[in-house]
Amino acid sequence: MKAGVIVGIILIAAGIYVMAGQASYKSDKEVVKIGGLAASISESRLVPPWAGAVAIALGGVLVFVGMRGAKR
């Protein structure tokens, strides 16, 4: 298999994972800083579903182009 097809399959799998609502990232926010003392909050946020849809679409294009090029 070509590298484009492999990357496309990985993008499709990652997009499905994001669309299922399982992908998240942590965001740290510093609330108070007094001298050497600091207080921060760590929030867990979900990756937006549109990012998963874009990954699926790009992965599909890569797989299609890779498979089409393999027939030549």
C-alpha atoms as a PDB file:
ATOM      1  CA  MET A   1       0.000   0.000   0.000  1.00  0.00           C
ATOM      2  CA  LYS A   2       1.083   3.520  -0.658  1.00  0.00           C
ATOM      3  CA  ALA A   3       1.771   5.944   2.167  1.00  0.00           C
ATOM      4  CA  GLY A   4      -1.203   8.118   1.146  1.00  0.00           C
ATOM      5  CA  VAL A   5      -3.616   5.217   1.583  1.00  0.00           C
ATOM      6  CA  ILE A   6      -2.194   4.379   5.014  1.00  0.00           C
ATOM      7  CA  VAL A   7      -2.395   8.007   6.152  1.00  0.00           C
ATOM      8  CA  GLY A   8      -5.943   8.193   4.785  1.00  0.00           C
ATOM      9  CA  ILE A   9      -7.014   5.128   6.772  1.00  0.00           C
ATOM     10  CA  ILE A  10      -5.464   6.595   9.928  1.00  0.00           C
ATOM     11  CA  LEU A  11      -7.278   9.909   9.353  1.00  0.00           C
ATOM     12  CA  ILE A  12     -10.591   8.127   8.853  1.00  0.00           C
ATOM     13  CA  ALA A  13     -10.116   6.132  12.081  1.00  0.00           C
ATOM     14  CA  ALA A  14      -9.149   9.280  14.010  1.00  0.00           C
ATOM     15  CA  GLY A  15     -12.146  11.143  12.573  1.00  0.00           C
ATOM     16  CA  ILE A  16     -14.523   8.400  13.680  1.00  0.00           C
ATOM     17  CA  TYR A  17     -12.970   8.503  17.155  1.00  0.00           C
ATOM     18  CA  VAL A  18     -13.502  12.281  17.351  1.00  0.00           C
ATOM     19  CA  MET A  19     -17.059  12.076  15.987  1.00  0.00           C
ATOM     20  CA  ALA A  20     -17.895   9.488  18.658  1.00  0.00           C
ATOM     21  CA  GLY A  21     -17.053  12.138  21.268  1.00  0.00           C
ATOM     22  CA  GLN A  22     -14.090  10.328  22.783  1.00  0.00           C
ATOM     23  CA  ALA A  23     -11.264  12.757  21.939  1.00  0.00           C
ATOM     24  CA  SER A  24     -10.410  15.448  24.472  1.00  0.00           C
ATOM     25  CA  TYR A  25      -7.537  17.687  25.466  1.00  0.00           C
ATOM     26  CA  LYS A  26      -6.538  19.473  28.659  1.00  0.00           C
ATOM     27  CA  SER A  27      -6.448  23.231  28.956  1.00  0.00           C
ATOM     28  CA  ASP A  28      -4.586  24.862  31.853  1.00  0.00           C
ATOM     29  CA  LYS A  29      -5.609  28.339  32.924  1.00  0.00           C
ATOM     30  CA  GLU A  30      -3.748  30.414  35.522  1.00  0.00           C
ATOM     31  CA  VAL A  31      -6.317  32.066  37.791  1.00  0.00           C
ATOM     32  CA  VAL A  32      -4.294  33.871  40.461  1.00  0.00           C
ATOM     33  CA  LYS A  33      -0.610  34.693  40.763  1.00  0.00           C
ATOM     34  CA  ILE A  34       0.664  36.452  43.862  1.00  0.00           C
ATOM     35  CA  GLY A  35       4.431  36.620  44.182  1.00  0.00           C
ATOM     36  CA  GLY A  36       5.752  33.069  43.952  1.00  0.00           C
ATOM     37  CA  LEU A  37       2.321  31.540  44.636  1.00  0.00           C
ATOM     38  CA  ALA A  38       0.092  30.603  41.717  1.00  0.00           C
ATOM     39  CA  ALA A  39      -3.288  28.902  41.376  1.00  0.00           C
ATOM     40  CA  SER A  40      -4.382  27.292  38.131  1.00  0.00           C
ATOM     41  CA  ILE A  41      -7.361  25.356  36.813  1.00  0.00           C
ATOM     42  CA  SER A  42      -7.070  22.355  34.496  1.00  0.00           C
ATOM     43  CA  GLU A  43     -10.098  21.798  32.244  1.00  0.00           C
ATOM     44  CA  SER A  44     -10.759  18.852  29.962  1.00  0.00           C
ATOM     45  CA  ARG A  45     -12.346  19.909  26.664  1.00  0.00           C
ATOM     46  CA  LEU A  46     -13.757  17.833  23.822  1.00  0.00           C
ATOM     47  CA  VAL A  47     -12.378  18.140  20.305  1.00  0.00           C
ATOM     48  CA  PRO A  48     -15.122  19.706  18.126  1.00  0.00           C
ATOM     49  CA  PRO A  49     -17.054  17.230  15.949  1.00  0.00           C
ATOM     50  CA  TRP A  50     -16.374  19.265  12.799  1.00  0.00           C
ATOM     51  CA  ALA A  51     -12.671  18.397  13.166  1.00  0.00           C
ATOM     52  CA  GLY A  52     -13.606  14.713  12.979  1.00  0.00           C
ATOM     53  CA  ALA A  53     -15.715  15.316   9.880  1.00  0.00           C
ATOM     54  CA  VAL A  54     -12.813  17.109   8.190  1.00  0.00           C
ATOM     55  CA  ALA A  55     -10.447  14.253   9.080  1.00  0.00           C
ATOM     56  CA  ILE A  56     -12.872  11.685   7.632  1.00  0.00           C
ATOM     57  CA  ALA A  57     -13.278  13.698   4.422  1.00  0.00           C
ATOM     58  CA  LEU A  58      -9.520  14.199   3.959  1.00  0.00           C
ATOM     59  CA  GLY A  59      -8.863  10.546   4.732  1.00  0.00           C
ATOM     60  CA  GLY A  60     -11.445   9.490   2.163  1.00  0.00           C
ATOM     61  CA  VAL A  61      -9.837  11.684  -0.474  1.00  0.00           C
ATOM     62  CA  LEU A  62      -6.380  10.280   0.292  1.00  0.00           C
ATOM     63  CA  VAL A  63      -7.614   6.683   0.119  1.00  0.00           C
ATOM     64  CA  PHE A  64      -9.491   7.352  -3.134  1.00  0.00           C
ATOM     65  CA  VAL A  65      -6.516   9.056  -4.790  1.00  0.00           C
ATOM     66  CA  GLY A  66      -4.111   6.409  -3.507  1.00  0.00           C
ATOM     67  CA  MET A  67      -6.224   3.513  -4.741  1.00  0.00           C
ATOM     68  CA  ARG A  68      -6.842   5.193  -8.071  1.00  0.00           C
ATOM     69  CA  GLY A  69      -3.126   5.777  -8.570  1.00  0.00           C
ATOM     70  CA  ALA A  70      -2.335   2.143  -7.723  1.00  0.00           C
ATOM     71  CA  LYS A  71      -4.384   0.884 -10.710  1.00  0.00           C
ATOM     72  CA  ARG A  72      -2.128   2.632 -13.234  1.00  0.00           C
END
